[in-house]
Amino acid sequence: MALASLGVGLVHLAVAAGSPLFLAILLAGFGIAELGWGVATLARGRVLLPRVALPLALTPVALWGLDITAAIAIAGSGLTAALPFGPMAAASLLSLFLAACLAFARRRSLGPRPEASAPRPVRQLLGMTAGALLVAGLVTPALAGTNAGTQAVPHGEHGTSVVPEPSISHSGH
């Protein structure tokens, strides 16, 4: 859950960078909150504030749905042009995953408490690795699809000349 929160927070911040002011403020606020919650959850090793985190995870998805609905209803106003579809779709998938995990954890905590089991470090390591791979697979293309991602310098061109310099050849030495 923490990795998903970190990923969706990064995407919301990147989308905010190229959005109109009102949307940028909303997305930046959600992104900062998601990053903070993800870091705090990783640091504590348990889900923090699940009753608050669950509705907050779903709010950006609902707002994006309202944005798309308004653009369709107004027909041609260009409201969704401010929010790129690919990055917002990836952020919504991660937010829905996060909300489902929070709901499952909350429901599980309401039931009878099972006997405490010994920690399983190999299982936790495999879970973190799988989660990191899945989140990276969604977040990396989403970040590339934002305004900041399209304006970035392509890799491998830092400090190198794009046009090859002509070589001077000496003959007869």
C-alpha atoms as a PDB file:
ATOM      1  CA  MET A   1       0.000   0.000   0.000  1.00  0.00           C
ATOM      2  CA  ALA A   2       2.798   2.397   0.847  1.00  0.00           C
ATOM      3  CA  LEU A   3       4.504   1.850  -2.510  1.00  0.00           C
ATOM      4  CA  ALA A   4       1.236   2.487  -4.356  1.00  0.00           C
ATOM      5  CA  SER A   5       0.755   5.663  -2.353  1.00  0.00           C
ATOM      6  CA  LEU A   6       4.267   6.854  -3.199  1.00  0.00           C
ATOM      7  CA  GLY A   7       3.725   6.101  -6.886  1.00  0.00           C
ATOM      8  CA  VAL A   8       0.365   7.842  -7.130  1.00  0.00           C
ATOM      9  CA  GLY A   9       1.767  10.808  -5.208  1.00  0.00           C
ATOM     10  CA  LEU A  10       4.587  11.194  -7.727  1.00  0.00           C
ATOM     11  CA  VAL A  11       2.171  11.021 -10.651  1.00  0.00           C
ATOM     12  CA  HIS A  12      -0.184  13.586  -9.095  1.00  0.00           C
ATOM     13  CA  LEU A  13       2.722  15.980  -8.489  1.00  0.00           C
ATOM     14  CA  ALA A  14       3.980  15.541 -12.058  1.00  0.00           C
ATOM     15  CA  VAL A  15       0.511  16.137 -13.530  1.00  0.00           C
ATOM     16  CA  ALA A  16       0.098  19.183 -11.269  1.00  0.00           C
ATOM     17  CA  ALA A  17       3.234  20.724 -12.760  1.00  0.00           C
ATOM     18  CA  GLY A  18       1.524  21.180 -16.138  1.00  0.00           C
ATOM     19  CA  SER A  19      -2.055  21.840 -15.008  1.00  0.00           C
ATOM     20  CA  PRO A  20      -4.072  25.037 -14.642  1.00  0.00           C
ATOM     21  CA  LEU A  21      -3.683  26.716 -11.253  1.00  0.00           C
ATOM     22  CA  PHE A  22      -6.808  25.360  -9.529  1.00  0.00           C
ATOM     23  CA  LEU A  23      -6.177  21.781 -10.655  1.00  0.00           C
ATOM     24  CA  ALA A  24      -2.474  22.143  -9.874  1.00  0.00           C
ATOM     25  CA  ILE A  25      -3.236  23.157  -6.283  1.00  0.00           C
ATOM     26  CA  LEU A  26      -5.612  20.204  -5.818  1.00  0.00           C
ATOM     27  CA  LEU A  27      -3.271  17.670  -7.406  1.00  0.00           C
ATOM     28  CA  ALA A  28      -0.213  18.989  -5.556  1.00  0.00           C
ATOM     29  CA  GLY A  29      -2.095  18.772  -2.260  1.00  0.00           C
ATOM     30  CA  PHE A  30      -3.117  15.191  -2.942  1.00  0.00           C
ATOM     31  CA  GLY A  31       0.385  14.310  -4.129  1.00  0.00           C
ATOM     32  CA  ILE A  32       2.050  15.717  -1.008  1.00  0.00           C
ATOM     33  CA  ALA A  33      -0.469  13.944   1.243  1.00  0.00           C
ATOM     34  CA  GLU A  34       0.025  10.641  -0.611  1.00  0.00           C
ATOM     35  CA  LEU A  35       3.806  10.885  -0.421  1.00  0.00           C
ATOM     36  CA  GLY A  36       3.664  11.756   3.277  1.00  0.00           C
ATOM     37  CA  TRP A  37       1.282   8.897   4.068  1.00  0.00           C
ATOM     38  CA  GLY A  38       3.375   6.431   2.067  1.00  0.00           C
ATOM     39  CA  VAL A  39       6.611   7.400   3.823  1.00  0.00           C
ATOM     40  CA  ALA A  40       4.951   7.336   7.250  1.00  0.00           C
ATOM     41  CA  THR A  41       3.377   3.937   6.561  1.00  0.00           C
ATOM     42  CA  LEU A  42       6.720   2.500   5.436  1.00  0.00           C
ATOM     43  CA  ALA A  43       8.474   3.967   8.480  1.00  0.00           C
ATOM     44  CA  ARG A  44       5.911   2.651  10.965  1.00  0.00           C
ATOM     45  CA  GLY A  45       5.386  -0.715   9.299  1.00  0.00           C
ATOM     46  CA  ARG A  46       1.607  -0.543   9.676  1.00  0.00           C
ATOM     47  CA  VAL A  47      -1.347   1.183   8.042  1.00  0.00           C
ATOM     48  CA  LEU A  48      -1.798   4.688   9.436  1.00  0.00           C
ATOM     49  CA  LEU A  49      -5.175   6.429   9.676  1.00  0.00           C
ATOM     50  CA  PRO A  50      -7.115   3.959   7.500  1.00  0.00           C
ATOM     51  CA  ARG A  51     -10.444   5.762   8.086  1.00  0.00           C
ATOM     52  CA  VAL A  52      -8.979   8.998   6.716  1.00  0.00           C
ATOM     53  CA  ALA A  53      -6.801   7.452   4.008  1.00  0.00           C
ATOM     54  CA  LEU A  54      -9.618   5.466   2.367  1.00  0.00           C
ATOM     55  CA  PRO A  55     -11.818   8.395   1.278  1.00  0.00           C
ATOM     56  CA  LEU A  56      -8.768  10.509   0.433  1.00  0.00           C
ATOM     57  CA  ALA A  57      -7.479   7.762  -1.887  1.00  0.00           C
ATOM     58  CA  LEU A  58     -10.773   7.811  -3.809  1.00  0.00           C
ATOM     59  CA  THR A  59     -11.225  11.598  -4.006  1.00  0.00           C
ATOM     60  CA  PRO A  60      -8.791  12.236  -6.923  1.00  0.00           C
ATOM     61  CA  VAL A  61     -10.453   9.427  -8.903  1.00  0.00           C
ATOM     62  CA  ALA A  62     -13.881  10.978  -8.332  1.00  0.00           C
ATOM     63  CA  LEU A  63     -12.626  14.457  -9.272  1.00  0.00           C
ATOM     64  CA  TRP A  64     -11.071  13.135 -12.501  1.00  0.00           C
ATOM     65  CA  GLY A  65     -14.361  11.395 -13.286  1.00  0.00           C
ATOM     66  CA  LEU A  66     -16.196  14.696 -12.770  1.00  0.00           C
ATOM     67  CA  ASP A  67     -13.681  16.434 -15.040  1.00  0.00           C
ATOM     68  CA  ILE A  68     -14.249  13.919 -17.825  1.00  0.00           C
ATOM     69  CA  THR A  69     -18.035  14.041 -17.360  1.00  0.00           C
ATOM     70  CA  ALA A  70     -18.054  17.839 -17.537  1.00  0.00           C
ATOM     71  CA  ALA A  71     -15.929  17.796 -20.703  1.00  0.00           C
ATOM     72  CA  ILE A  72     -18.294  15.325 -22.358  1.00  0.00           C
ATOM     73  CA  ALA A  73     -21.362  17.307 -21.288  1.00  0.00           C
ATOM     74  CA  ILE A  74     -19.934  20.617 -22.509  1.00  0.00           C
ATOM     75  CA  ALA A  75     -18.652  18.914 -25.691  1.00  0.00           C
ATOM     76  CA  GLY A  76     -15.448  20.381 -26.964  1.00  0.00           C
ATOM     77  CA  SER A  77     -14.533  22.699 -24.109  1.00  0.00           C
ATOM     78  CA  GLY A  78     -11.155  21.020 -23.725  1.00  0.00           C
ATOM     79  CA  LEU A  79     -11.453  20.466 -19.977  1.00  0.00           C
ATOM     80  CA  THR A  80      -9.694  17.127 -20.095  1.00  0.00           C
ATOM     81  CA  ALA A  81      -6.807  18.544 -22.136  1.00  0.00           C
ATOM     82  CA  ALA A  82      -5.395  19.944 -18.883  1.00  0.00           C
ATOM     83  CA  LEU A  83      -5.213  16.454 -17.366  1.00  0.00           C
ATOM     84  CA  PRO A  84      -3.476  13.902 -19.566  1.00  0.00           C
ATOM     85  CA  PHE A  85      -5.420  10.665 -19.880  1.00  0.00           C
ATOM     86  CA  GLY A  86      -2.565   8.151 -19.519  1.00  0.00           C
ATOM     87  CA  PRO A  87      -1.017   9.511 -16.319  1.00  0.00           C
ATOM     88  CA  MET A  88      -4.402  10.104 -14.712  1.00  0.00           C
ATOM     89  CA  ALA A  89      -5.539   6.583 -15.657  1.00  0.00           C
ATOM     90  CA  ALA A  90      -2.409   5.083 -14.067  1.00  0.00           C
ATOM     91  CA  ALA A  91      -2.871   7.236 -10.957  1.00  0.00           C
ATOM     92  CA  SER A  92      -6.512   6.161 -10.763  1.00  0.00           C
ATOM     93  CA  LEU A  93      -5.575   2.471 -11.011  1.00  0.00           C
ATOM     94  CA  LEU A  94      -3.088   2.877  -8.187  1.00  0.00           C
ATOM     95  CA  SER A  95      -5.603   4.862  -6.131  1.00  0.00           C
ATOM     96  CA  LEU A  96      -8.267   2.185  -6.616  1.00  0.00           C
ATOM     97  CA  PHE A  97      -5.770  -0.509  -5.627  1.00  0.00           C
ATOM     98  CA  LEU A  98      -4.817   1.500  -2.551  1.00  0.00           C
ATOM     99  CA  ALA A  99      -8.471   2.012  -1.592  1.00  0.00           C
ATOM    100  CA  ALA A 100      -9.233  -1.701  -2.024  1.00  0.00           C
ATOM    101  CA  CYS A 101      -6.263  -2.648   0.170  1.00  0.00           C
ATOM    102  CA  LEU A 102      -7.306  -0.116   2.813  1.00  0.00           C
ATOM    103  CA  ALA A 103     -10.871  -1.435   2.792  1.00  0.00           C
ATOM    104  CA  PHE A 104      -9.602  -5.019   3.096  1.00  0.00           C
ATOM    105  CA  ALA A 105      -7.267  -4.088   5.962  1.00  0.00           C
ATOM    106  CA  ARG A 106     -10.041  -2.208   7.732  1.00  0.00           C
ATOM    107  CA  ARG A 107     -12.487  -5.098   7.365  1.00  0.00           C
ATOM    108  CA  ARG A 108      -9.838  -7.536   8.548  1.00  0.00           C
ATOM    109  CA  SER A 109      -9.121  -5.426  11.629  1.00  0.00           C
ATOM    110  CA  LEU A 110     -12.814  -5.423  12.589  1.00  0.00           C
ATOM    111  CA  GLY A 111     -12.959  -9.236  12.757  1.00  0.00           C
ATOM    112  CA  PRO A 112     -11.625 -11.510  15.483  1.00  0.00           C
ATOM    113  CA  ARG A 113      -7.913 -11.208  16.051  1.00  0.00           C
ATOM    114  CA  PRO A 114      -5.929 -14.230  14.874  1.00  0.00           C
ATOM    115  CA  GLU A 115      -3.038 -15.585  16.877  1.00  0.00           C
ATOM    116  CA  ALA A 116       0.140 -13.569  16.394  1.00  0.00           C
ATOM    117  CA  SER A 117       2.440 -15.280  13.934  1.00  0.00           C
ATOM    118  CA  ALA A 118       6.167 -14.985  13.572  1.00  0.00           C
ATOM    119  CA  PRO A 119       7.355 -12.439  10.996  1.00  0.00           C
ATOM    120  CA  ARG A 120       8.241 -13.896   7.606  1.00  0.00           C
ATOM    121  CA  PRO A 121      11.069 -11.811   6.146  1.00  0.00           C
ATOM    122  CA  VAL A 122      11.310 -13.747   2.863  1.00  0.00           C
ATOM    123  CA  ARG A 123       7.590 -13.319   2.240  1.00  0.00           C
ATOM    124  CA  GLN A 124       7.803  -9.613   3.060  1.00  0.00           C
ATOM    125  CA  LEU A 125      10.812  -9.161   0.767  1.00  0.00           C
ATOM    126  CA  LEU A 126       9.070 -10.918  -2.114  1.00  0.00           C
ATOM    127  CA  GLY A 127       5.946  -8.835  -1.549  1.00  0.00           C
ATOM    128  CA  MET A 128       7.901  -5.585  -1.537  1.00  0.00           C
ATOM    129  CA  THR A 129       9.797  -6.613  -4.674  1.00  0.00           C
ATOM    130  CA  ALA A 130       6.614  -7.532  -6.547  1.00  0.00           C
ATOM    131  CA  GLY A 131       4.930  -4.335  -5.399  1.00  0.00           C
ATOM    132  CA  ALA A 132       7.887  -2.206  -6.460  1.00  0.00           C
ATOM    133  CA  LEU A 133       7.956  -3.827  -9.905  1.00  0.00           C
ATOM    134  CA  LEU A 134       4.231  -3.324 -10.433  1.00  0.00           C
ATOM    135  CA  VAL A 135       4.250   0.267  -9.221  1.00  0.00           C
ATOM    136  CA  ALA A 136       7.330   1.110 -11.292  1.00  0.00           C
ATOM    137  CA  GLY A 137       5.699  -0.463 -14.351  1.00  0.00           C
ATOM    138  CA  LEU A 138       2.735   1.887 -14.010  1.00  0.00           C
ATOM    139  CA  VAL A 139       4.428   5.015 -12.665  1.00  0.00           C
ATOM    140  CA  THR A 140       7.352   5.245 -15.100  1.00  0.00           C
ATOM    141  CA  PRO A 141       5.210   5.472 -18.270  1.00  0.00           C
ATOM    142  CA  ALA A 142       2.755   7.719 -16.441  1.00  0.00           C
ATOM    143  CA  LEU A 143       5.510  10.168 -15.505  1.00  0.00           C
ATOM    144  CA  ALA A 144       6.786  10.113 -19.093  1.00  0.00           C
ATOM    145  CA  GLY A 145       3.283  11.051 -20.287  1.00  0.00           C
ATOM    146  CA  THR A 146       3.046  14.199 -18.160  1.00  0.00           C
ATOM    147  CA  ASN A 147       3.986  17.671 -19.335  1.00  0.00           C
ATOM    148  CA  ALA A 148       7.203  17.458 -17.314  1.00  0.00           C
ATOM    149  CA  GLY A 149       8.014  14.086 -18.871  1.00  0.00           C
ATOM    150  CA  THR A 150       7.530  15.281 -22.434  1.00  0.00           C
ATOM    151  CA  GLN A 151       9.752  18.315 -21.818  1.00  0.00           C
ATOM    152  CA  ALA A 152      12.582  16.265 -20.292  1.00  0.00           C
ATOM    153  CA  VAL A 153      15.878  15.880 -22.091  1.00  0.00           C
ATOM    154  CA  PRO A 154      16.185  12.404 -23.620  1.00  0.00           C
ATOM    155  CA  HIS A 155      18.585  10.111 -21.801  1.00  0.00           C
ATOM    156  CA  GLY A 156      22.099   9.956 -23.131  1.00  0.00           C
ATOM    157  CA  GLU A 157      22.176  13.526 -24.414  1.00  0.00           C
ATOM    158  CA  HIS A 158      23.416  15.268 -21.281  1.00  0.00           C
ATOM    159  CA  GLY A 159      26.616  17.067 -22.076  1.00  0.00           C
ATOM    160  CA  THR A 160      27.163  15.460 -25.459  1.00  0.00           C
ATOM    161  CA  SER A 161      26.989  17.108 -28.808  1.00  0.00           C
ATOM    162  CA  VAL A 162      24.044  16.062 -30.959  1.00  0.00           C
ATOM    163  CA  VAL A 163      25.876  16.921 -34.207  1.00  0.00           C
ATOM    164  CA  PRO A 164      29.094  14.934 -34.646  1.00  0.00           C
ATOM    165  CA  GLU A 165      32.163  17.068 -35.038  1.00  0.00           C
ATOM    166  CA  PRO A 166      33.979  16.671 -38.368  1.00  0.00           C
ATOM    167  CA  SER A 167      37.226  14.796 -38.100  1.00  0.00           C
ATOM    168  CA  ILE A 168      40.352  16.100 -39.743  1.00  0.00           C
ATOM    169  CA  SER A 169      42.152  13.405 -41.637  1.00  0.00           C
ATOM    170  CA  HIS A 170      45.825  13.608 -42.389  1.00  0.00           C
ATOM    171  CA  SER A 171      47.130  11.640 -45.302  1.00  0.00           C
ATOM    172  CA  GLY A 172      50.670  10.666 -46.072  1.00  0.00           C
ATOM    173  CA  HIS A 173      52.307  10.494 -42.719  1.00  0.00           C
END
